[in-house]
Amino acid sequence: EESFLAHGHAVLDGVLAQPALGALQVLLQEASIYFRFGRGAGSGYLVALLEDGLASPVLAAVASDLRRALPRLLGPLGPAAGGLCEARAWKADNSHLLVPPGPPALPGLDPVG
């Protein structure tokens, strides 16, 4: 918090306890809430939005704990302060890597067609 207030940026590395980090990783890696983002099927990214299914008790707990730990950055606590209002998770779309190349060509036989 002090670093951010002094310099305008901070790195929050190792801020989550292992159980919280593990629960968040399971949520983000195994969720089926991602959809294609951008124009066309080849945009290369999938996104999950809070309002489209990303909202979860795990994410709410992480947001609440961060607000409690960083009150000067993230504002006051309490029902009137509101909660997490926007969150996005991104994944690279590697589905093109899952398409098998097709059957191997047989020696001496060319497809006709």
Protein backbone atom coordinates (compact mmCIF):
# COMPACT_ATOMS: atom_id res chain seq x y z
CA GLU A 1 0.00 0.00 0.00
CA GLU A 2 2.80 2.41 0.90
CA SER A 3 4.64 1.69 -2.37
CA PHE A 4 1.54 2.36 -4.43
CA LEU A 5 0.77 5.59 -2.61
CA ALA A 6 4.37 6.77 -2.97
CA HIS A 7 5.11 5.62 -6.54
CA GLY A 8 1.74 5.00 -8.21
CA HIS A 9 2.34 1.27 -8.66
CA ALA A 10 3.05 -1.81 -6.58
CA VAL A 11 3.60 -5.53 -7.08
CA LEU A 12 1.43 -7.82 -4.97
CA ASP A 13 3.48 -11.00 -5.21
CA GLY A 14 2.78 -13.74 -2.68
CA VAL A 15 -0.16 -11.85 -1.20
CA LEU A 16 -2.56 -14.83 -1.22
CA ALA A 17 -2.26 -17.73 1.20
CA GLN A 18 -1.84 -21.11 -0.53
CA PRO A 19 -5.45 -22.28 0.14
CA ALA A 20 -6.89 -19.07 -1.36
CA LEU A 21 -4.49 -19.18 -4.32
CA GLY A 22 -5.33 -22.84 -4.97
CA ALA A 23 -9.08 -22.20 -4.85
CA LEU A 24 -8.71 -19.24 -7.23
CA GLN A 25 -6.57 -21.30 -9.63
CA VAL A 26 -9.16 -24.10 -9.69
CA LEU A 27 -11.92 -21.58 -10.38
CA LEU A 28 -10.06 -19.84 -13.19
CA GLN A 29 -8.53 -22.92 -14.85
CA GLU A 30 -11.50 -25.28 -14.74
CA ALA A 31 -14.43 -22.91 -15.24
CA SER A 32 -16.58 -23.23 -18.34
CA ILE A 33 -17.59 -19.56 -18.27
CA TYR A 34 -15.14 -18.28 -20.89
CA PHE A 35 -16.25 -17.06 -24.30
CA ARG A 36 -14.54 -15.71 -27.40
CA PHE A 37 -13.61 -12.07 -27.22
CA GLY A 38 -13.18 -9.78 -30.19
CA ARG A 39 -14.12 -10.05 -33.81
CA GLY A 40 -14.26 -13.44 -35.41
CA ALA A 41 -13.33 -16.83 -34.13
CA GLY A 42 -9.60 -16.21 -34.46
CA SER A 43 -9.21 -13.42 -31.92
CA GLY A 44 -6.90 -15.59 -29.84
CA TYR A 45 -8.44 -14.88 -26.42
CA LEU A 46 -11.26 -16.10 -24.24
CA VAL A 47 -12.72 -13.92 -21.50
CA ALA A 48 -14.91 -14.50 -18.46
CA LEU A 49 -16.81 -11.59 -16.91
CA LEU A 50 -18.08 -11.15 -13.39
CA GLU A 51 -21.65 -10.67 -14.56
CA ASP A 52 -21.51 -13.71 -16.86
CA GLY A 53 -20.48 -16.31 -14.30
CA LEU A 54 -17.09 -15.35 -12.91
CA ALA A 55 -18.69 -14.19 -9.65
CA SER A 56 -17.99 -16.76 -6.96
CA PRO A 57 -17.52 -16.99 -3.19
CA VAL A 58 -13.76 -17.44 -3.72
CA LEU A 59 -13.40 -14.24 -5.75
CA ALA A 60 -15.65 -12.32 -3.33
CA ALA A 61 -13.50 -13.46 -0.38
CA VAL A 62 -10.27 -12.45 -2.13
CA ALA A 63 -11.72 -9.02 -2.97
CA SER A 64 -12.98 -8.54 0.59
CA ASP A 65 -9.65 -9.56 2.12
CA LEU A 66 -7.74 -7.21 -0.20
CA ARG A 67 -10.02 -4.32 0.77
CA ARG A 68 -9.41 -5.10 4.42
CA ALA A 69 -5.63 -5.29 3.88
CA LEU A 70 -5.42 -2.15 1.69
CA PRO A 71 -8.09 0.23 3.03
CA ARG A 72 -6.44 3.44 1.81
CA LEU A 73 -6.21 2.10 -1.74
CA LEU A 74 -9.44 0.19 -2.07
CA GLY A 75 -11.75 2.30 0.07
CA PRO A 76 -13.86 1.83 3.17
CA LEU A 77 -15.51 -1.39 4.23
CA GLY A 78 -19.13 -2.02 5.04
CA PRO A 79 -22.37 -2.63 3.15
CA ALA A 80 -22.62 0.96 1.91
CA ALA A 81 -19.18 0.77 0.30
CA GLY A 82 -20.31 -1.87 -2.18
CA GLY A 83 -18.27 -4.83 -3.32
CA LEU A 84 -16.39 -5.99 -6.32
CA CYS A 85 -18.15 -4.41 -9.31
CA GLU A 86 -16.03 -5.62 -12.24
CA ALA A 87 -13.61 -8.45 -12.84
CA ARG A 88 -12.34 -10.23 -15.93
CA ALA A 89 -10.32 -13.36 -16.45
CA TRP A 90 -8.50 -13.97 -19.72
CA LYS A 91 -7.22 -17.14 -21.35
CA ALA A 92 -5.38 -17.71 -24.57
CA ASP A 93 -7.50 -19.63 -27.07
CA ASN A 94 -5.41 -22.68 -27.91
CA SER A 95 -8.29 -24.69 -29.35
CA HIS A 96 -6.63 -24.73 -32.78
CA LEU A 97 -3.87 -26.85 -31.21
CA LEU A 98 -6.39 -29.58 -30.35
CA VAL A 99 -7.42 -30.24 -33.96
CA PRO A 100 -5.73 -33.42 -35.15
CA PRO A 101 -3.85 -33.06 -38.44
CA GLY A 102 -5.87 -35.83 -40.11
CA PRO A 103 -4.99 -39.38 -41.07
CA PRO A 104 -1.45 -40.04 -42.22
CA ALA A 105 -0.97 -40.35 -45.95
CA LEU A 106 -0.39 -43.84 -47.24
CA PRO A 107 2.72 -44.23 -49.39
CA GLY A 108 1.97 -44.29 -53.11
CA LEU A 109 -1.71 -43.38 -52.73
CA ASP A 110 -2.81 -39.88 -53.57
CA PRO A 111 -6.34 -38.72 -52.81
CA VAL A 112 -8.53 -38.28 -55.88
CA GLY A 113 -11.36 -35.98 -55.91
